[in-house]
């Protein structure tokens, strides 16, 4: 006996009828859906034609929903949605049209509805989403609603994480809201992508984390004022930063620089001494303390010109350096180091004639300055015998003083080779040969000196003495 249900003939007939009814209904629904899809496509195609007509008709104007063709295009999109609610293509079409006419809130809403229906977004879709959301975020920002702006920008970035403009806005708004922890991640990503200004804002964000928002904001306000040449405002801002956070060492540094720009040497020294006390190896602090000292001793104008000259000299711009050093001397003729560096620069430029009066000025200020006396003599020799010969001669004297006789010998021989009429070089050459015991060469060198200075009794004596020791007949 069967355990299943036993159907009577009438019951079975009714079951078959119901099944046929469901099948018929399904077929009708599918046919209706297909018909609706076809109608939607027809409506959207009409909408797209209207969009193209609008672009041509209103070219050169700002597109607006008030323009008839754009209104008709929107109406076509809305008609398509009535035929098939939440239809992806209709949502995308309306989002694009609203974006083109600048109705960004509606564009944004339709993009979000479209995204809810599909996970597929083209690159163009993402750009248009960024435009709509970015415009809305910027409008909220301009209205002072930072939280509202942040909401839009965050949503955009989730949809289009390659949007660098939105990335920087997220970092900027978090920074302005005093949220450096949140801002830092965005600015670090911006630095990785090489975006302009990203390094500055990352440093600013890190500064807020390290020293506090108020001190950091005051410091960067000072930087902005300093770069604009508003040194008084800059100093006030840097001073405020040091008061808000005494550990903010860069604020002390820039307070010192601003003070120097204002010619307040004593105040600048206090700031730089604080820096040096915190970091004894800080070369900047030592340099600027020297600048402050020079300003007090020689005057602000003279000191600033002098250190501008030093900077130019170290960069290899000797002609510019000379100009600055001479400005320093004009501001204060007793500025000895300015005279030294003027003379030195002229000599290195190969112009010893112009160096001479400045070495003489140094010696007038300090007659005991052996360095100046040495370089004055070198400059005079360079003028008289030529730069190469004079430099070789100076090198020979230096090596002789270090007891490097072979090196001295080579230098003096180079000097007379460069200029055979170099009297002092021949005399030194004879002296070195004599001390080395090479009496024949010593005699020859002294005889060359005598040829240039026949009445020099010392040369005559050493020439004969060298000849005697070499076993040669004495000179008559």
Protein backbone atom coordinates (compact mmCIF):
# COMPACT_ATOMS: atom_id res chain seq x y z
CA UNK A 1 0.00 0.00 0.00
CA UNK A 2 1.44 3.42 -0.94
CA UNK A 3 2.48 5.73 1.97
CA UNK A 4 2.11 8.86 -0.22
CA UNK A 5 -0.94 11.00 -0.53
CA UNK A 6 -3.60 9.60 -2.82
CA UNK A 7 -4.92 12.26 -5.17
CA UNK A 8 -8.38 12.04 -6.61
CA UNK A 9 -8.81 12.95 -10.26
CA UNK A 10 -10.56 16.25 -9.49
CA UNK A 11 -7.86 17.24 -7.00
CA UNK A 12 -5.10 16.50 -9.43
CA UNK A 13 -6.83 18.53 -12.11
CA UNK A 14 -7.11 21.54 -9.85
CA UNK A 15 -3.35 21.26 -8.98
CA UNK A 16 -2.39 21.28 -12.63
CA UNK A 17 -4.56 24.30 -13.22
CA UNK A 18 -2.86 26.23 -10.41
CA UNK A 19 0.61 25.39 -11.75
CA UNK A 20 -0.37 26.50 -15.23
CA UNK A 21 -1.65 29.74 -13.73
CA UNK A 22 1.63 30.46 -11.95
CA UNK A 23 3.58 29.72 -15.07
CA UNK A 24 1.36 32.02 -17.08
CA UNK A 25 1.80 34.75 -14.48
CA UNK A 26 5.57 34.37 -14.49
CA UNK A 27 5.64 34.54 -18.24
CA UNK A 28 3.49 37.64 -18.17
CA UNK A 29 5.73 39.26 -15.61
CA UNK A 30 8.83 38.50 -17.63
CA UNK A 31 7.21 39.88 -20.73
CA UNK A 32 6.15 42.99 -18.82
CA UNK A 33 9.66 43.40 -17.41
CA UNK A 34 11.21 43.02 -20.83
CA UNK A 35 8.75 45.53 -22.22
CA UNK A 36 9.55 47.92 -19.35
CA UNK A 37 13.28 47.50 -19.96
CA UNK A 38 12.77 48.29 -23.59
CA UNK A 39 10.73 51.35 -22.72
CA UNK A 40 13.38 52.47 -20.22
CA UNK A 41 16.08 52.17 -22.87
CA UNK A 42 13.97 54.15 -25.32
CA UNK A 43 13.38 56.90 -22.76
CA UNK A 44 17.08 57.01 -21.78
CA UNK A 45 18.11 57.12 -25.42
CA UNK A 46 15.83 60.11 -25.89
CA UNK A 47 17.40 61.67 -22.76
CA UNK A 48 20.90 61.16 -24.13
CA UNK A 49 19.91 62.81 -27.41
CA UNK A 50 18.56 65.76 -25.45
CA UNK A 51 21.86 66.01 -23.54
CA UNK A 52 23.83 66.17 -26.79
CA UNK A 53 21.46 68.80 -28.18
CA UNK A 54 21.80 70.82 -24.94
CA UNK A 55 25.60 70.74 -25.13
CA UNK A 56 25.51 72.12 -28.67
CA UNK A 57 22.71 74.62 -28.10
CA UNK A 58 24.14 76.07 -24.90
CA UNK A 59 27.83 75.88 -25.78
CA UNK A 60 29.76 78.81 -24.32
CA UNK A 61 27.28 79.30 -21.48
CA UNK A 62 27.04 77.97 -17.96
CA UNK A 63 24.78 74.94 -18.15
CA UNK A 64 21.67 75.32 -15.99
CA UNK A 65 18.53 73.35 -15.14
CA UNK A 66 16.63 76.45 -16.25
CA UNK A 67 17.62 75.76 -19.85
CA UNK A 68 14.76 73.88 -21.57
CA UNK A 69 16.74 71.06 -23.15
CA UNK A 70 18.41 70.24 -19.83
CA UNK A 71 14.99 70.22 -18.13
CA UNK A 72 13.69 67.83 -20.77
CA UNK A 73 16.72 65.57 -20.29
CA UNK A 74 16.06 65.44 -16.54
CA UNK A 75 12.38 64.72 -17.21
CA UNK A 76 13.40 61.79 -19.40
CA UNK A 77 15.53 60.40 -16.61
CA UNK A 78 12.72 60.74 -14.10
CA UNK A 79 10.31 59.05 -16.54
CA UNK A 80 12.75 56.14 -16.83
CA UNK A 81 12.84 55.79 -13.04
CA UNK A 82 9.04 55.69 -12.90
CA UNK A 83 9.06 52.86 -15.43
CA UNK A 84 11.73 50.97 -13.46
CA UNK A 85 12.39 52.32 -9.94
CA UNK A 86 16.08 52.23 -8.89
CA UNK A 87 17.07 51.29 -12.43
CA UNK A 88 20.92 51.57 -12.46
CA UNK A 89 21.20 53.16 -15.89
CA UNK A 90 18.47 55.69 -15.11
CA UNK A 91 20.13 56.60 -11.79
CA UNK A 92 23.51 56.99 -13.48
CA UNK A 93 22.00 59.11 -16.29
CA UNK A 94 20.32 61.47 -13.83
CA UNK A 95 23.46 61.72 -11.68
CA UNK A 96 25.46 62.74 -14.74
CA UNK A 97 22.89 65.27 -15.96
CA UNK A 98 22.51 66.89 -12.55
CA UNK A 99 26.29 67.12 -12.31
CA UNK A 100 26.53 68.80 -15.72
CA UNK A 101 24.03 71.51 -14.76
CA UNK A 102 25.71 72.06 -11.37
CA UNK A 103 22.88 70.71 -9.21
CA UNK A 104 25.37 68.80 -7.10
CA UNK A 105 23.17 67.73 -4.21
CA UNK A 106 20.86 65.87 -6.61
CA UNK A 107 23.80 64.50 -8.54
CA UNK A 108 25.31 63.24 -5.27
CA UNK A 109 22.04 61.62 -4.14
CA UNK A 110 21.62 59.80 -7.44
CA UNK A 111 25.25 58.65 -7.43
CA UNK A 112 24.77 57.14 -3.96
CA UNK A 113 21.58 55.37 -5.13
CA UNK A 114 23.43 54.14 -8.20
CA UNK A 115 26.36 52.85 -6.13
CA UNK A 116 23.86 50.96 -3.93
CA UNK A 117 22.69 49.05 -7.02
CA UNK A 118 26.10 48.09 -8.39
CA UNK A 119 29.68 47.54 -7.30
CA UNK A 120 30.98 48.52 -10.73
CA UNK A 121 32.19 52.10 -11.21
CA UNK A 122 34.17 53.30 -14.19
CA UNK A 123 37.01 55.76 -13.81
CA UNK A 124 34.76 58.46 -15.28
CA UNK A 125 32.05 57.56 -12.74
CA UNK A 126 34.52 58.00 -9.87
CA UNK A 127 35.65 61.36 -11.22
CA UNK A 128 32.07 62.59 -11.44
CA UNK A 129 31.29 61.31 -7.94
CA UNK A 130 34.37 63.21 -6.73
CA UNK A 131 33.20 66.37 -8.46
CA UNK A 132 29.71 66.27 -6.95
CA UNK A 133 30.83 65.34 -3.43
CA UNK A 134 33.81 67.68 -3.58
CA UNK A 135 31.65 70.65 -4.57
CA UNK A 136 29.26 69.93 -1.71
CA UNK A 137 32.15 69.54 0.73
CA UNK A 138 33.68 72.83 -0.39
CA UNK A 139 30.32 74.60 -0.02
CA UNK A 140 30.08 73.32 3.56
CA UNK A 141 33.68 74.44 4.18
CA UNK A 142 32.97 77.95 2.88
CA UNK A 143 29.93 78.12 5.17
CA UNK A 144 32.18 77.33 8.15
CA UNK A 145 30.64 73.86 8.63
CA UNK A 146 33.85 71.85 8.90
CA UNK A 147 32.07 68.76 10.23
CA UNK A 148 29.65 68.78 7.28
CA UNK A 149 32.50 69.29 4.81
CA UNK A 150 34.41 66.44 6.41
CA UNK A 151 31.43 64.09 5.99
CA UNK A 152 31.23 64.72 2.24
CA UNK A 153 34.99 64.47 1.69
CA UNK A 154 35.25 61.24 3.68
CA UNK A 155 32.44 59.65 1.64
CA UNK A 156 34.10 60.74 -1.60
CA UNK A 157 37.45 59.33 -0.52
CA UNK A 158 35.88 55.98 0.32
CA UNK A 159 34.42 55.84 -3.18
CA UNK A 160 37.44 57.31 -4.99
CA UNK A 161 40.62 56.90 -2.90
CA UNK A 162 42.79 58.12 -5.79
CA UNK A 163 41.34 61.65 -5.58
CA UNK A 164 44.32 63.70 -4.43
CA UNK A 165 42.31 66.90 -4.11
CA UNK A 166 39.96 65.26 -1.62
CA UNK A 167 42.96 63.71 0.16
CA UNK A 168 44.47 67.13 0.83
CA UNK A 169 41.12 68.54 1.94
CA UNK A 170 40.76 65.78 4.50
CA UNK A 171 44.22 66.55 5.89
CA UNK A 172 43.55 70.28 5.88
CA UNK A 173 40.14 70.11 7.60
CA UNK A 174 41.37 67.78 10.32
CA UNK A 175 44.27 70.17 10.85
CA UNK A 176 41.95 73.16 11.11
CA UNK A 177 39.73 71.26 13.54
CA UNK A 178 42.74 70.69 15.81
CA UNK A 179 42.81 66.94 15.07
CA UNK A 180 46.46 66.29 14.17
CA UNK A 181 46.24 62.54 14.84
CA UNK A 182 43.62 62.15 12.11
CA UNK A 183 45.31 64.66 9.79
CA UNK A 184 48.73 63.01 9.92
CA UNK A 185 47.69 59.84 8.07
CA UNK A 186 46.33 61.88 5.16
CA UNK A 187 49.41 64.11 4.92
CA UNK A 188 51.76 61.12 5.06
CA UNK A 189 49.85 59.57 2.16
CA UNK A 190 50.01 62.92 0.34
CA UNK A 191 53.80 62.99 0.81
CA UNK A 192 54.04 59.45 -0.57
CA UNK A 193 52.15 60.62 -3.65
CA UNK A 194 54.46 63.63 -4.03
CA UNK A 195 51.71 66.23 -3.79
CA UNK A 196 52.77 69.92 -3.70
CA UNK A 197 52.86 71.36 -0.19
CA UNK A 198 52.38 67.95 1.43
CA UNK A 199 55.73 68.00 3.22
CA UNK A 200 54.97 71.38 4.76
CA UNK A 201 51.58 70.26 6.06
CA UNK A 202 52.97 66.98 7.36
CA UNK A 203 55.58 68.94 9.31
CA UNK A 204 52.90 71.29 10.58
CA UNK A 205 50.74 68.37 11.67
CA UNK A 206 53.67 66.68 13.40
CA UNK A 207 54.42 69.99 15.09
CA UNK A 208 50.90 70.10 16.53
CA UNK A 209 51.38 66.58 17.89
CA UNK A 210 54.79 67.41 19.36
CA UNK A 211 54.16 70.87 20.80
CA UNK A 212 50.41 71.38 20.95
CA UNK A 213 48.00 72.99 18.52
CA UNK A 214 48.22 76.54 19.90
CA UNK A 215 52.03 76.69 19.97
CA UNK A 216 52.29 75.11 16.53
CA UNK A 217 49.75 77.45 14.95
CA UNK A 218 51.55 80.44 16.44
CA UNK A 219 54.89 79.18 15.09
CA UNK A 220 53.61 78.70 11.55
CA UNK A 221 51.91 82.09 11.65
CA UNK A 222 55.37 83.45 12.45
CA UNK A 223 56.90 81.60 9.49
CA UNK A 224 54.30 83.10 7.16
CA UNK A 225 54.93 86.62 8.51
CA UNK A 226 58.72 86.17 8.28
CA UNK A 227 58.53 85.05 4.64
CA UNK A 228 56.42 88.13 3.86
CA UNK A 229 59.02 90.39 5.49
CA UNK A 230 56.77 91.30 8.45
CA UNK A 231 59.50 90.71 11.03
CA UNK A 232 57.79 92.44 13.94
CA UNK A 233 54.69 90.25 13.55
CA UNK A 234 56.89 87.21 13.07
CA UNK A 235 58.80 87.90 16.28
CA UNK A 236 55.57 88.28 18.25
CA UNK A 237 54.28 84.96 16.91
CA UNK A 238 57.53 83.10 17.63
CA UNK A 239 57.72 84.62 21.09
CA UNK A 240 54.15 83.45 21.76
CA UNK A 241 55.06 79.93 20.62
CA UNK A 242 57.99 79.81 23.08
CA UNK A 243 55.68 80.93 25.88
CA UNK A 244 53.02 78.36 24.99
CA UNK A 245 55.63 75.60 24.87
CA UNK A 246 59.17 76.39 26.10
CA UNK A 247 60.37 73.09 24.57
CA UNK A 248 59.58 74.31 21.05
CA UNK A 249 63.24 74.82 20.08
CA UNK A 250 62.54 75.89 16.46
CA UNK A 251 60.39 78.73 17.82
CA UNK A 252 63.41 79.97 19.80
CA UNK A 253 65.54 79.67 16.66
CA UNK A 254 63.17 81.76 14.55
CA UNK A 255 62.65 84.28 17.31
CA UNK A 256 66.40 84.78 17.22
CA UNK A 257 66.43 85.17 13.44
CA UNK A 258 63.56 87.67 13.53
CA UNK A 259 65.29 89.69 16.23
CA UNK A 260 68.42 89.89 14.08
CA UNK A 261 66.37 91.06 11.09
CA UNK A 262 65.00 93.83 13.31
CA UNK A 263 68.51 94.77 14.48
CA UNK A 264 67.82 93.77 18.09
CA UNK A 265 71.16 92.14 18.73
CA UNK A 266 70.92 91.72 22.50
CA UNK A 267 67.47 90.14 22.28
CA UNK A 268 68.61 87.85 19.47
CA UNK A 269 71.58 86.68 21.53
CA UNK A 270 69.27 85.63 24.38
CA UNK A 271 67.21 83.47 22.05
CA UNK A 272 70.28 81.90 20.46
CA UNK A 273 71.94 81.29 23.81
CA UNK A 274 68.81 79.42 24.90
CA UNK A 275 69.09 77.27 21.77
CA UNK A 276 72.79 76.63 22.41
CA UNK A 277 72.11 75.71 26.03
CA UNK A 278 69.60 73.11 24.87
CA UNK A 279 71.81 71.86 22.05
CA UNK A 280 75.53 72.66 22.41
CA UNK A 281 76.23 71.21 18.93
CA UNK A 282 73.86 73.58 17.13
CA UNK A 283 76.08 75.29 14.54
CA UNK A 284 73.31 77.75 13.65
CA UNK A 285 73.21 79.06 17.20
CA UNK A 286 76.97 79.66 17.27
CA UNK A 287 76.82 81.39 13.88
CA UNK A 288 73.98 83.72 14.81
CA UNK A 289 75.47 84.55 18.18
CA UNK A 290 78.51 85.67 16.20
CA UNK A 291 76.22 87.75 13.98
CA UNK A 292 74.58 89.32 17.04
CA UNK A 293 78.00 90.12 18.53
CA UNK A 294 79.12 91.67 15.25
CA UNK A 295 75.97 93.78 15.02
CA UNK A 296 76.60 95.17 18.48
CA UNK A 297 80.27 95.83 17.81
CA UNK A 298 80.21 97.10 14.23
CA UNK A 299 76.60 98.09 13.67
CA UNK A 300 73.67 96.24 12.14
CA UNK A 301 74.23 97.38 8.56
CA UNK A 302 77.94 96.56 8.56
CA UNK A 303 77.48 93.16 10.25
CA UNK A 304 74.65 92.09 7.97
CA UNK A 305 76.64 93.04 4.88
CA UNK A 306 79.69 91.20 6.19
CA UNK A 307 77.83 87.94 6.83
CA UNK A 308 76.11 88.23 3.46
CA UNK A 309 79.62 88.38 2.03
CA UNK A 310 80.67 85.29 3.97
CA UNK A 311 77.66 83.39 2.62
CA UNK A 312 78.49 84.44 -0.95
CA UNK A 313 82.16 83.54 -0.47
CA UNK A 314 81.31 80.07 0.84
CA UNK A 315 79.04 79.55 -2.16
CA UNK A 316 81.94 80.40 -4.48
CA UNK A 317 80.47 83.76 -5.61
CA UNK A 318 83.61 85.82 -5.01
CA UNK A 319 82.64 88.92 -6.98
CA UNK A 320 79.37 89.16 -5.03
CA UNK A 321 81.25 88.55 -1.79
CA UNK A 322 83.59 91.49 -2.52
CA UNK A 323 80.57 93.77 -3.02
CA UNK A 324 79.13 92.81 0.37
CA UNK A 325 82.47 93.12 2.19
CA UNK A 326 83.03 96.59 0.74
CA UNK A 327 79.50 97.58 1.83
CA UNK A 328 80.41 96.47 5.34
CA UNK A 329 83.54 98.64 5.24
CA UNK A 330 81.55 101.60 3.94
CA UNK A 331 79.17 101.22 6.85
CA UNK A 332 82.07 100.95 9.32
CA UNK A 333 85.64 101.61 8.06
CA UNK A 334 87.10 100.11 11.27
CA UNK A 335 85.60 96.69 10.60
CA UNK A 336 88.91 94.83 10.39
CA UNK A 337 87.55 91.42 9.35
CA UNK A 338 85.62 93.05 6.51
CA UNK A 339 88.88 94.54 5.23
CA UNK A 340 90.61 91.14 5.57
CA UNK A 341 87.91 89.34 3.57
CA UNK A 342 87.80 92.06 0.92
CA UNK A 343 91.54 91.73 0.36
CA UNK A 344 91.41 87.95 0.47
CA UNK A 345 88.57 87.81 -2.07
CA UNK A 346 90.37 90.13 -4.47
CA UNK A 347 93.48 87.96 -4.25
CA UNK A 348 91.51 84.80 -4.94
CA UNK A 349 89.89 86.54 -7.90
CA UNK A 350 93.40 87.03 -9.30
CA UNK A 351 93.43 90.80 -8.69
CA UNK A 352 96.26 91.35 -6.15
CA UNK A 353 96.60 95.02 -7.12
CA UNK A 354 93.14 95.75 -5.69
CA UNK A 355 93.86 93.58 -2.65
CA UNK A 356 96.90 95.65 -1.57
CA UNK A 357 95.09 98.76 -0.20
CA UNK A 358 92.80 96.54 1.90
CA UNK A 359 95.73 94.63 3.44
CA UNK A 360 97.28 98.02 4.14
CA UNK A 361 94.01 99.08 5.78
CA UNK A 362 94.12 95.97 7.99
CA UNK A 363 97.67 96.80 9.08
CA UNK A 364 96.67 100.39 9.76
CA UNK A 365 93.99 99.08 12.11
CA UNK A 366 96.32 96.49 13.68
CA UNK A 367 100.03 96.91 12.94
CA UNK A 368 100.79 93.62 14.76
CA UNK A 369 98.70 91.50 12.38
CA UNK A 370 101.30 89.11 10.97
CA UNK A 371 98.72 87.45 8.74
CA UNK A 372 97.98 90.75 7.01
CA UNK A 373 101.70 91.53 6.65
CA UNK A 374 102.27 88.14 5.02
CA UNK A 375 99.42 88.52 2.52
CA UNK A 376 100.33 92.12 1.78
CA UNK A 377 103.81 90.99 0.80
CA UNK A 378 102.31 88.15 -1.24
CA UNK A 379 100.01 90.57 -3.07
CA UNK A 380 102.91 92.90 -3.84
CA UNK A 381 104.98 89.98 -5.11
CA UNK A 382 102.06 88.79 -7.24
CA UNK A 383 101.85 92.23 -8.82
CA UNK A 384 105.60 92.44 -9.34
CA UNK A 385 106.44 88.85 -10.37
CA UNK A 386 103.11 87.30 -11.40
CA UNK A 387 100.57 85.31 -9.45
CA UNK A 388 101.99 81.85 -10.18
CA UNK A 389 105.56 82.78 -9.28
CA UNK A 390 104.53 84.63 -6.13
CA UNK A 391 102.28 81.81 -4.93
CA UNK A 392 105.07 79.28 -5.44
CA UNK A 393 107.46 81.55 -3.54
CA UNK A 394 105.02 81.88 -0.61
CA UNK A 395 104.62 78.11 -0.56
CA UNK A 396 108.39 77.73 -0.47
CA UNK A 397 108.73 80.03 2.56
CA UNK A 398 105.95 78.16 4.36
CA UNK A 399 107.58 74.78 3.74
CA UNK A 400 110.96 76.09 4.81
CA UNK A 401 109.46 77.28 8.10
CA UNK A 402 108.10 73.75 8.60
CA UNK A 403 111.62 72.35 7.95
CA UNK A 404 110.40 70.68 4.75
CA UNK A 405 113.53 71.55 2.81
CA UNK A 406 112.92 69.37 -0.26
CA UNK A 407 109.41 70.78 -0.59
CA UNK A 408 110.74 74.31 -0.18
CA UNK A 409 113.40 73.62 -2.82
CA UNK A 410 110.76 72.47 -5.33
CA UNK A 411 108.59 75.53 -4.66
CA UNK A 412 111.45 78.04 -5.06
CA UNK A 413 112.58 76.32 -8.26
CA UNK A 414 109.01 76.66 -9.59
CA UNK A 415 109.01 80.36 -8.65
CA UNK A 416 112.19 81.14 -10.65
CA UNK A 417 110.95 78.99 -13.52
CA UNK A 418 107.77 81.09 -13.64
CA UNK A 419 109.78 84.33 -13.43
CA UNK A 420 113.57 84.21 -13.80
CA UNK A 421 113.86 87.77 -12.49
CA UNK A 422 112.38 86.85 -9.08
CA UNK A 423 115.26 88.11 -6.91
CA UNK A 424 113.98 86.86 -3.53
CA UNK A 425 113.23 83.41 -4.97
CA UNK A 426 116.83 83.03 -6.22
CA UNK A 427 118.14 84.11 -2.79
CA UNK A 428 115.93 81.57 -0.96
CA UNK A 429 116.86 78.89 -3.46
CA UNK A 430 120.56 79.50 -2.71
CA UNK A 431 119.83 79.37 1.04
CA UNK A 432 118.03 76.02 0.81
CA UNK A 433 120.70 74.47 -1.40
CA UNK A 434 123.32 75.69 1.09
CA UNK A 435 121.51 74.06 4.01
CA UNK A 436 121.15 70.83 2.04
CA UNK A 437 124.93 70.83 1.41
CA UNK A 438 124.59 71.20 -2.36
CA UNK A 439 127.12 74.03 -2.53
CA UNK A 440 127.59 74.11 -6.30
CA UNK A 441 123.83 74.67 -6.82
CA UNK A 442 123.80 77.16 -3.95
CA UNK A 443 126.60 79.13 -5.62
CA UNK A 444 124.72 79.10 -8.94
CA UNK A 445 121.53 80.37 -7.28
CA UNK A 446 123.33 83.18 -5.44
CA UNK A 447 125.06 84.19 -8.68
CA UNK A 448 121.63 84.53 -10.34
CA UNK A 449 120.60 86.76 -7.43
CA UNK A 450 123.77 88.84 -7.85
CA UNK A 451 123.01 89.28 -11.52
CA UNK A 452 119.77 90.96 -10.48
CA UNK A 453 121.30 92.84 -7.52
CA UNK A 454 125.06 93.26 -8.17
CA UNK A 455 125.68 95.46 -5.14
CA UNK A 456 124.17 93.07 -2.56
CA UNK A 457 127.08 92.19 -0.27
CA UNK A 458 125.23 89.30 1.38
CA UNK A 459 124.66 87.60 -1.94
CA UNK A 460 128.32 88.15 -2.87
CA UNK A 461 129.48 86.61 0.44
CA UNK A 462 127.25 83.51 0.24
CA UNK A 463 128.07 82.98 -3.43
CA UNK A 464 131.82 82.88 -2.66
CA UNK A 465 131.33 80.77 0.47
CA UNK A 466 129.31 78.23 -1.50
CA UNK A 467 131.95 78.17 -4.26
CA UNK A 468 134.71 77.62 -1.67
CA UNK A 469 132.81 74.72 -0.08
CA UNK A 470 132.15 73.27 -3.53
CA UNK A 471 135.87 73.48 -4.36
CA UNK A 472 135.42 76.17 -6.95
CA UNK A 473 137.39 79.36 -7.54
CA UNK A 474 135.92 82.40 -5.69
CA UNK A 475 134.23 85.20 -7.58
CA UNK A 476 136.27 88.34 -8.23
